Amino acid sequence: MNVLFIGDIVGPDATAYVAHRVPELRQQYALDLVIANGENCAVSAATPWQGFGMSTGLVELLLQNGVDIITSGNHGWDGPEAQIVHQHPQVLRPFNMPDGTAGKGIIHLNIAGEDVTVLNLGGKTALDEALPVYPAWLSAELRGNVIVDFHSDAAWEKMIFATAIDGKAAAVLGTHTHEPTIPMYILPGGTAYVTDVGMTSPTGSPGGFPLIHFATKYKGEDFSALPPYQMSTGEIILGAVRLRIEDGRTLDIERIY
């Protein structure tokens, strides 16, 4: 099974770019499954820490152009359409959230006769409300080839989790920081691990947008007078990995640009 996993999509232009690229990538790599983290695809407010999220239109754009499953994270609840988006059967939010949280964190698929589980998890460094990750993992119903989107700032948390479940998942793929990590691993039990897949985004600033709001807040200064944040204006890059999975194990992994 050939799987493409696309890291955080940042902004509407990057979303359109993914929608343009995925059909050709599906053909080029004979992809059976495409997963994308879409929590940042929309711009919904003036400040970046509450102004990303997903819209129904952008979600449909991705799904109509070859993305099969959309994962998310802390920004999944930004924006006026968050509750509607999380009711979509192909959209996930972190599984380890309190009862009553809109949406779901796991999906089971059957692709060409093979069972697949996509599980979305979130660390507390990204989501204050997140429940402990490992007990949530133990409670999940897992079938066939298991692919995990682990949305967290904490590299060591992701590394340790992947090691703890090595052999029980085909892949643990990190998201959230937007910055791709260089090493990619296949652990002894066959679990592929990437600390952060990175972002699909306009270039020109770390994260895909100027960080002046974060910097002003970091310095303890008033950011309320700043203009609304906007996306960077450089060339759009693709942050993604392709995995070849067989019998619950990853056989090889490569970055796709």
C-alpha atoms as a PDB file:
ATOM      1  CA  MET A   1       0.000   0.000   0.000  1.00  0.00           C
ATOM      2  CA  ASN A   2       1.315   3.422  -0.992  1.00  0.00           C
ATOM      3  CA  VAL A   3       0.334   6.260   1.337  1.00  0.00           C
ATOM      4  CA  LEU A   4       0.974   9.998   1.032  1.00  0.00           C
ATOM      5  CA  PHE A   5       0.854  12.050   4.221  1.00  0.00           C
ATOM      6  CA  ILE A   6       0.831  15.838   3.828  1.00  0.00           C
ATOM      7  CA  GLY A   7       1.872  18.004   6.787  1.00  0.00           C
ATOM      8  CA  ASP A   8       0.115  21.167   7.967  1.00  0.00           C
ATOM      9  CA  ILE A   9      -1.493  22.988   5.025  1.00  0.00           C
ATOM     10  CA  VAL A  10      -1.135  26.704   5.794  1.00  0.00           C
ATOM     11  CA  GLY A  11      -3.612  29.071   4.175  1.00  0.00           C
ATOM     12  CA  PRO A  12      -6.096  29.009   1.293  1.00  0.00           C
ATOM     13  CA  ASP A  13      -3.461  29.340  -1.447  1.00  0.00           C
ATOM     14  CA  ALA A  14      -1.592  26.326  -0.082  1.00  0.00           C
ATOM     15  CA  THR A  15      -4.883  24.437   0.034  1.00  0.00           C
ATOM     16  CA  ALA A  16      -5.472  25.185  -3.643  1.00  0.00           C
ATOM     17  CA  TYR A  17      -1.888  24.087  -4.355  1.00  0.00           C
ATOM     18  CA  VAL A  18      -2.484  20.733  -2.658  1.00  0.00           C
ATOM     19  CA  ALA A  19      -5.724  20.283  -4.590  1.00  0.00           C
ATOM     20  CA  HIS A  20      -3.763  20.913  -7.791  1.00  0.00           C
ATOM     21  CA  ARG A  21      -0.867  18.585  -6.935  1.00  0.00           C
ATOM     22  CA  VAL A  22      -2.617  15.565  -5.439  1.00  0.00           C
ATOM     23  CA  PRO A  23      -4.173  14.157  -8.637  1.00  0.00           C
ATOM     24  CA  GLU A  24      -0.776  14.035 -10.375  1.00  0.00           C
ATOM     25  CA  LEU A  25       0.899  12.626  -7.255  1.00  0.00           C
ATOM     26  CA  ARG A  26      -1.717   9.887  -6.973  1.00  0.00           C
ATOM     27  CA  GLN A  27      -0.905   8.818 -10.498  1.00  0.00           C
ATOM     28  CA  GLN A  28       2.870   9.264 -10.248  1.00  0.00           C
ATOM     29  CA  TYR A  29       3.249   7.214  -7.067  1.00  0.00           C
ATOM     30  CA  ALA A  30       0.264   4.860  -7.511  1.00  0.00           C
ATOM     31  CA  LEU A  31      -1.127   6.126  -4.219  1.00  0.00           C
ATOM     32  CA  ASP A  32      -3.795   4.138  -2.417  1.00  0.00           C
ATOM     33  CA  LEU A  33      -4.413   6.651   0.377  1.00  0.00           C
ATOM     34  CA  VAL A  34      -3.796  10.388   0.831  1.00  0.00           C
ATOM     35  CA  ILE A  35      -3.981  11.971   4.290  1.00  0.00           C
ATOM     36  CA  ALA A  36      -3.503  15.706   4.899  1.00  0.00           C
ATOM     37  CA  ASN A  37      -3.433  17.822   8.042  1.00  0.00           C
ATOM     38  CA  GLY A  38      -5.826  20.657   7.233  1.00  0.00           C
ATOM     39  CA  GLU A  39      -6.165  22.530  10.518  1.00  0.00           C
ATOM     40  CA  ASN A  40      -4.533  25.696   9.122  1.00  0.00           C
ATOM     41  CA  CYS A  41      -6.093  25.797   5.671  1.00  0.00           C
ATOM     42  CA  ALA A  42      -8.420  28.742   6.355  1.00  0.00           C
ATOM     43  CA  VAL A  43      -7.801  32.269   7.645  1.00  0.00           C
ATOM     44  CA  SER A  44     -10.573  33.048  10.120  1.00  0.00           C
ATOM     45  CA  ALA A  45      -9.445  35.860  12.471  1.00  0.00           C
ATOM     46  CA  ALA A  46      -6.931  38.678  12.898  1.00  0.00           C
ATOM     47  CA  THR A  47      -4.355  36.839  15.020  1.00  0.00           C
ATOM     48  CA  PRO A  48      -2.641  33.558  14.136  1.00  0.00           C
ATOM     49  CA  TRP A  49      -3.205  31.803  17.446  1.00  0.00           C
ATOM     50  CA  GLN A  50      -6.974  31.785  16.920  1.00  0.00           C
ATOM     51  CA  GLY A  51      -7.317  32.612  13.256  1.00  0.00           C
ATOM     52  CA  PHE A  52      -6.689  29.471  11.227  1.00  0.00           C
ATOM     53  CA  GLY A  53      -9.068  26.495  11.102  1.00  0.00           C
ATOM     54  CA  MET A  54     -11.007  24.812   8.322  1.00  0.00           C
ATOM     55  CA  SER A  55     -13.930  25.888   6.170  1.00  0.00           C
ATOM     56  CA  THR A  56     -16.434  23.627   4.471  1.00  0.00           C
ATOM     57  CA  GLY A  57     -15.402  24.977   1.077  1.00  0.00           C
ATOM     58  CA  LEU A  58     -11.693  24.279   1.551  1.00  0.00           C
ATOM     59  CA  VAL A  59     -12.366  20.842   3.027  1.00  0.00           C
ATOM     60  CA  GLU A  60     -14.466  19.943  -0.008  1.00  0.00           C
ATOM     61  CA  LEU A  61     -11.783  21.312  -2.344  1.00  0.00           C
ATOM     62  CA  LEU A  62      -9.249  18.903  -0.838  1.00  0.00           C
ATOM     63  CA  LEU A  63     -11.582  15.913  -0.788  1.00  0.00           C
ATOM     64  CA  GLN A  64     -12.803  16.462  -4.341  1.00  0.00           C
ATOM     65  CA  ASN A  65      -9.219  16.496  -5.604  1.00  0.00           C
ATOM     66  CA  GLY A  66      -7.926  13.264  -4.146  1.00  0.00           C
ATOM     67  CA  VAL A  67      -7.340  13.774  -0.427  1.00  0.00           C
ATOM     68  CA  ASP A  68      -9.050  10.910   1.412  1.00  0.00           C
ATOM     69  CA  ILE A  69      -8.746  11.907   5.079  1.00  0.00           C
ATOM     70  CA  ILE A  70      -8.150  15.313   6.716  1.00  0.00           C
ATOM     71  CA  THR A  71      -6.558  15.372  10.164  1.00  0.00           C
ATOM     72  CA  SER A  72      -6.259  18.397  12.429  1.00  0.00           C
ATOM     73  CA  GLY A  73      -5.060  19.736  15.770  1.00  0.00           C
ATOM     74  CA  ASN A  74      -5.417  22.768  18.006  1.00  0.00           C
ATOM     75  CA  HIS A  75      -6.503  25.091  15.182  1.00  0.00           C
ATOM     76  CA  GLY A  76      -9.228  22.703  14.110  1.00  0.00           C
ATOM     77  CA  TRP A  77     -11.683  24.611  16.297  1.00  0.00           C
ATOM     78  CA  ASP A  78     -10.833  28.060  14.908  1.00  0.00           C
ATOM     79  CA  GLY A  79     -13.363  29.762  12.701  1.00  0.00           C
ATOM     80  CA  PRO A  80     -17.137  29.929  12.425  1.00  0.00           C
ATOM     81  CA  GLU A  81     -17.575  26.606  10.617  1.00  0.00           C
ATOM     82  CA  ALA A  82     -15.590  24.439  13.039  1.00  0.00           C
ATOM     83  CA  GLN A  83     -18.573  22.535  14.420  1.00  0.00           C
ATOM     84  CA  ILE A  84     -19.892  21.810  10.927  1.00  0.00           C
ATOM     85  CA  VAL A  85     -16.504  20.756   9.571  1.00  0.00           C
ATOM     86  CA  HIS A  86     -15.956  18.307  12.426  1.00  0.00           C
ATOM     87  CA  GLN A  87     -19.159  16.488  11.543  1.00  0.00           C
ATOM     88  CA  HIS A  88     -17.734  15.552   8.136  1.00  0.00           C
ATOM     89  CA  PRO A  89     -17.076  11.790   8.003  1.00  0.00           C
ATOM     90  CA  GLN A  90     -13.617  12.285   6.434  1.00  0.00           C
ATOM     91  CA  VAL A  91     -12.380  14.917   8.912  1.00  0.00           C
ATOM     92  CA  LEU A  92     -10.611  14.002  12.158  1.00  0.00           C
ATOM     93  CA  ARG A  93      -9.662  15.898  15.298  1.00  0.00           C
ATOM     94  CA  PRO A  94      -7.355  14.579  18.029  1.00  0.00           C
ATOM     95  CA  PHE A  95      -8.787  11.383  19.510  1.00  0.00           C
ATOM     96  CA  ASN A  96      -7.624  12.134  23.046  1.00  0.00           C
ATOM     97  CA  MET A  97     -10.022  14.999  23.721  1.00  0.00           C
ATOM     98  CA  PRO A  98     -12.641  15.151  26.484  1.00  0.00           C
ATOM     99  CA  ASP A  99     -16.047  13.556  26.014  1.00  0.00           C
ATOM    100  CA  GLY A 100     -18.443  15.889  24.284  1.00  0.00           C
ATOM    101  CA  THR A 101     -15.846  17.357  21.933  1.00  0.00           C
ATOM    102  CA  ALA A 102     -17.287  17.706  18.451  1.00  0.00           C
ATOM    103  CA  GLY A 103     -16.056  15.293  15.826  1.00  0.00           C
ATOM    104  CA  LYS A 104     -14.083  12.074  16.007  1.00  0.00           C
ATOM    105  CA  GLY A 105     -10.420  11.125  16.217  1.00  0.00           C
ATOM    106  CA  ILE A 106     -10.278   7.790  14.447  1.00  0.00           C
ATOM    107  CA  ILE A 107     -11.485   6.310  11.187  1.00  0.00           C
ATOM    108  CA  HIS A 108     -11.441   2.780   9.786  1.00  0.00           C
ATOM    109  CA  LEU A 109     -11.112   2.204   6.062  1.00  0.00           C
ATOM    110  CA  ASN A 110     -10.914  -0.742   3.721  1.00  0.00           C
ATOM    111  CA  ILE A 111      -8.722  -0.032   0.725  1.00  0.00           C
ATOM    112  CA  ALA A 112      -8.369  -2.720  -1.938  1.00  0.00           C
ATOM    113  CA  GLY A 113      -9.192  -5.361   0.650  1.00  0.00           C
ATOM    114  CA  GLU A 114      -6.785  -4.030   3.305  1.00  0.00           C
ATOM    115  CA  ASP A 115      -7.962  -2.634   6.640  1.00  0.00           C
ATOM    116  CA  VAL A 116      -6.542   0.762   7.559  1.00  0.00           C
ATOM    117  CA  THR A 117      -6.899   2.842  10.724  1.00  0.00           C
ATOM    118  CA  VAL A 118      -6.087   6.549  10.747  1.00  0.00           C
ATOM    119  CA  LEU A 119      -5.709   7.881  14.296  1.00  0.00           C
ATOM    120  CA  ASN A 120      -5.263  11.570  15.166  1.00  0.00           C
ATOM    121  CA  LEU A 121      -3.575  12.303  18.517  1.00  0.00           C
ATOM    122  CA  GLY A 122      -2.593  15.583  20.177  1.00  0.00           C
ATOM    123  CA  GLY A 123      -0.039  16.459  22.837  1.00  0.00           C
ATOM    124  CA  LYS A 124      -0.684  18.927  25.652  1.00  0.00           C
ATOM    125  CA  THR A 125       1.958  21.269  24.244  1.00  0.00           C
ATOM    126  CA  ALA A 126      -0.472  21.850  21.372  1.00  0.00           C
ATOM    127  CA  LEU A 127      -3.826  21.347  23.111  1.00  0.00           C
ATOM    128  CA  ASP A 128      -4.323  22.281  26.761  1.00  0.00           C
ATOM    129  CA  GLU A 129      -7.446  20.127  26.980  1.00  0.00           C
ATOM    130  CA  ALA A 130      -5.825  16.987  25.573  1.00  0.00           C
ATOM    131  CA  LEU A 131      -6.023  13.858  27.712  1.00  0.00           C
ATOM    132  CA  PRO A 132      -2.960  11.618  28.219  1.00  0.00           C
ATOM    133  CA  VAL A 133      -1.865  10.163  24.913  1.00  0.00           C
ATOM    134  CA  TYR A 134      -0.839   6.603  25.756  1.00  0.00           C
ATOM    135  CA  PRO A 135      -4.041   5.617  27.618  1.00  0.00           C
ATOM    136  CA  ALA A 136      -6.006   7.041  24.687  1.00  0.00           C
ATOM    137  CA  TRP A 137      -3.939   4.911  22.317  1.00  0.00           C
ATOM    138  CA  LEU A 138      -4.682   1.806  24.387  1.00  0.00           C
ATOM    139  CA  SER A 139      -8.413   2.539  24.255  1.00  0.00           C
ATOM    140  CA  ALA A 140      -8.537   2.926  20.474  1.00  0.00           C
ATOM    141  CA  GLU A 141      -9.934   0.191  18.255  1.00  0.00           C
ATOM    142  CA  LEU A 142      -7.106  -0.457  15.805  1.00  0.00           C
ATOM    143  CA  ARG A 143      -7.404  -2.508  12.629  1.00  0.00           C
ATOM    144  CA  GLY A 144      -4.898  -3.371   9.938  1.00  0.00           C
ATOM    145  CA  ASN A 145      -2.374  -0.751   8.861  1.00  0.00           C
ATOM    146  CA  VAL A 146      -2.399   1.936  11.562  1.00  0.00           C
ATOM    147  CA  ILE A 147      -1.264   5.469  10.678  1.00  0.00           C
ATOM    148  CA  VAL A 148      -0.990   8.091  13.434  1.00  0.00           C
ATOM    149  CA  ASP A 149      -0.909  11.873  13.058  1.00  0.00           C
ATOM    150  CA  PHE A 150       0.637  13.053  16.340  1.00  0.00           C
ATOM    151  CA  HIS A 151       0.047  16.801  16.663  1.00  0.00           C
ATOM    152  CA  SER A 152       2.474  18.228  19.232  1.00  0.00           C
ATOM    153  CA  ASP A 153       5.307  20.692  19.813  1.00  0.00           C
ATOM    154  CA  ALA A 154       7.261  18.257  21.959  1.00  0.00           C
ATOM    155  CA  ALA A 155       9.745  16.249  19.909  1.00  0.00           C
ATOM    156  CA  TRP A 156      10.666  13.911  22.744  1.00  0.00           C
ATOM    157  CA  GLU A 157       7.025  13.114  23.474  1.00  0.00           C
ATOM    158  CA  LYS A 158       6.554  12.042  19.868  1.00  0.00           C
ATOM    159  CA  MET A 159       9.813  10.068  19.815  1.00  0.00           C
ATOM    160  CA  ILE A 160       9.003   8.182  23.016  1.00  0.00           C
ATOM    161  CA  PHE A 161       5.448   7.441  21.934  1.00  0.00           C
ATOM    162  CA  ALA A 162       6.640   6.023  18.618  1.00  0.00           C
ATOM    163  CA  THR A 163       9.168   3.838  20.413  1.00  0.00           C
ATOM    164  CA  ALA A 164       6.543   2.655  22.913  1.00  0.00           C
ATOM    165  CA  ILE A 165       4.191   1.485  20.167  1.00  0.00           C
ATOM    166  CA  ASP A 166       6.808   0.267  17.680  1.00  0.00           C
ATOM    167  CA  GLY A 167       5.390  -2.672  15.765  1.00  0.00           C
ATOM    168  CA  LYS A 168       1.796  -1.797  16.602  1.00  0.00           C
ATOM    169  CA  ALA A 169       1.468   1.040  14.071  1.00  0.00           C
ATOM    170  CA  ALA A 170       2.767   1.364  10.545  1.00  0.00           C
ATOM    171  CA  ALA A 171       3.625   5.037  11.060  1.00  0.00           C
ATOM    172  CA  VAL A 172       3.748   7.839  13.618  1.00  0.00           C
ATOM    173  CA  LEU A 173       3.954  11.128  11.737  1.00  0.00           C
ATOM    174  CA  GLY A 174       4.440  14.371  13.640  1.00  0.00           C
ATOM    175  CA  THR A 175       2.670  17.625  12.825  1.00  0.00           C
ATOM    176  CA  HIS A 176       2.142  21.074  14.404  1.00  0.00           C
ATOM    177  CA  THR A 177       5.471  22.959  14.302  1.00  0.00           C
ATOM    178  CA  HIS A 178       5.330  23.527  10.510  1.00  0.00           C
ATOM    179  CA  GLU A 179       9.106  22.995  10.389  1.00  0.00           C
ATOM    180  CA  PRO A 180      10.196  19.700   8.796  1.00  0.00           C
ATOM    181  CA  THR A 181      12.707  17.539  10.613  1.00  0.00           C
ATOM    182  CA  ILE A 182      15.449  15.967   8.511  1.00  0.00           C
ATOM    183  CA  PRO A 183      15.735  12.373   9.825  1.00  0.00           C
ATOM    184  CA  MET A 184      13.119   9.780   8.977  1.00  0.00           C
ATOM    185  CA  TYR A 185      13.196   6.429  10.720  1.00  0.00           C
ATOM    186  CA  ILE A 186      11.831   2.945  10.378  1.00  0.00           C
ATOM    187  CA  LEU A 187      12.007   1.565  13.914  1.00  0.00           C
ATOM    188  CA  PRO A 188      12.943  -2.091  14.581  1.00  0.00           C
ATOM    189  CA  GLY A 189       9.315  -3.229  14.716  1.00  0.00           C
ATOM    190  CA  GLY A 190       8.474  -1.608  11.386  1.00  0.00           C
ATOM    191  CA  THR A 191       6.950   1.679  12.559  1.00  0.00           C
ATOM    192  CA  ALA A 192       7.942   4.670  10.435  1.00  0.00           C
ATOM    193  CA  TYR A 193       8.630   7.781  12.494  1.00  0.00           C
ATOM    194  CA  VAL A 194       9.026  11.453  11.536  1.00  0.00           C
ATOM    195  CA  THR A 195       9.181  14.089  14.275  1.00  0.00           C
ATOM    196  CA  ASP A 196       7.544  16.696  12.038  1.00  0.00           C
ATOM    197  CA  VAL A 197       6.523  16.259   8.423  1.00  0.00           C
ATOM    198  CA  GLY A 198       6.538  20.038   7.981  1.00  0.00           C
ATOM    199  CA  MET A 199       4.179  22.342   6.145  1.00  0.00           C
ATOM    200  CA  THR A 200       2.675  22.946   2.752  1.00  0.00           C
ATOM    201  CA  SER A 201       2.782  26.706   2.686  1.00  0.00           C
ATOM    202  CA  PRO A 202       4.040  29.878   1.063  1.00  0.00           C
ATOM    203  CA  THR A 203       7.686  30.458   1.928  1.00  0.00           C
ATOM    204  CA  GLY A 204       9.289  33.619   3.242  1.00  0.00           C
ATOM    205  CA  SER A 205       8.690  33.321   6.986  1.00  0.00           C
ATOM    206  CA  PRO A 206       8.980  30.496   9.523  1.00  0.00           C
ATOM    207  CA  GLY A 207       5.606  28.819   9.852  1.00  0.00           C
ATOM    208  CA  GLY A 208       4.279  30.223   6.598  1.00  0.00           C
ATOM    209  CA  PHE A 209       3.323  33.657   7.896  1.00  0.00           C
ATOM    210  CA  PRO A 210       5.160  36.630   9.488  1.00  0.00           C
ATOM    211  CA  LEU A 211       5.528  36.023  13.230  1.00  0.00           C
ATOM    212  CA  ILE A 212       5.205  39.658  14.342  1.00  0.00           C
ATOM    213  CA  HIS A 213       2.085  38.938  16.428  1.00  0.00           C
ATOM    214  CA  PHE A 214       3.879  36.144  18.289  1.00  0.00           C
ATOM    215  CA  ALA A 215       7.008  38.255  18.763  1.00  0.00           C
ATOM    216  CA  THR A 216       5.042  41.245  20.063  1.00  0.00           C
ATOM    217  CA  LYS A 217       3.124  39.065  22.518  1.00  0.00           C
ATOM    218  CA  TYR A 218       6.377  37.334  23.551  1.00  0.00           C
ATOM    219  CA  LYS A 219       7.888  40.716  24.477  1.00  0.00           C
ATOM    220  CA  GLY A 220       4.856  41.550  26.606  1.00  0.00           C
ATOM    221  CA  GLU A 221       3.813  44.340  24.276  1.00  0.00           C
ATOM    222  CA  ASP A 222       0.364  45.274  22.993  1.00  0.00           C
ATOM    223  CA  PHE A 223      -0.388  43.465  19.756  1.00  0.00           C
ATOM    224  CA  SER A 224      -3.985  44.680  19.424  1.00  0.00           C
ATOM    225  CA  ALA A 225      -3.012  47.581  17.146  1.00  0.00           C
ATOM    226  CA  LEU A 226      -1.174  45.342  14.681  1.00  0.00           C
ATOM    227  CA  PRO A 227      -2.856  44.733  11.326  1.00  0.00           C
ATOM    228  CA  PRO A 228      -4.422  41.301  10.787  1.00  0.00           C
ATOM    229  CA  TYR A 229      -1.864  38.617  10.061  1.00  0.00           C
ATOM    230  CA  GLN A 230      -1.418  37.464   6.484  1.00  0.00           C
ATOM    231  CA  MET A 231       0.265  34.564   4.755  1.00  0.00           C
ATOM    232  CA  SER A 232       3.826  34.762   3.486  1.00  0.00           C
ATOM    233  CA  THR A 233       4.146  35.623  -0.187  1.00  0.00           C
ATOM    234  CA  GLY A 234       6.944  33.333  -1.387  1.00  0.00           C
ATOM    235  CA  GLU A 235       6.803  30.198  -3.485  1.00  0.00           C
ATOM    236  CA  ILE A 236       4.537  27.478  -2.105  1.00  0.00           C
ATOM    237  CA  ILE A 237       6.325  24.317  -0.999  1.00  0.00           C
ATOM    238  CA  LEU A 238       4.941  20.841  -0.386  1.00  0.00           C
ATOM    239  CA  GLY A 239       5.748  19.127   2.907  1.00  0.00           C
ATOM    240  CA  ALA A 240       4.856  15.455   2.593  1.00  0.00           C
ATOM    241  CA  VAL A 241       6.105  11.907   2.958  1.00  0.00           C
ATOM    242  CA  ARG A 242       5.295   8.786   0.962  1.00  0.00           C
ATOM    243  CA  LEU A 243       5.218   5.446   2.745  1.00  0.00           C
ATOM    244  CA  ARG A 244       5.083   1.923   1.372  1.00  0.00           C
ATOM    245  CA  ILE A 245       3.258  -0.206   3.914  1.00  0.00           C
ATOM    246  CA  GLU A 246       2.770  -3.960   3.977  1.00  0.00           C
ATOM    247  CA  ASP A 247       1.151  -6.084   6.702  1.00  0.00           C
ATOM    248  CA  GLY A 248       1.198  -3.263   9.243  1.00  0.00           C
ATOM    249  CA  ARG A 249       4.863  -2.369   8.711  1.00  0.00           C
ATOM    250  CA  THR A 250       6.489   0.394   6.706  1.00  0.00           C
ATOM    251  CA  LEU A 251       8.980  -0.924   4.175  1.00  0.00           C
ATOM    252  CA  ASP A 252      10.262   2.444   2.963  1.00  0.00           C
ATOM    253  CA  ILE A 253       9.627   6.159   3.382  1.00  0.00           C
ATOM    254  CA  GLU A 254      10.663   9.187   1.350  1.00  0.00           C
ATOM    255  CA  ARG A 255      10.014  12.906   1.315  1.00  0.00           C
ATOM    256  CA  ILE A 256       7.905  14.310  -1.512  1.00  0.00           C
ATOM    257  CA  TYR A 257       8.366  17.915  -2.600  1.00  0.00           C
END
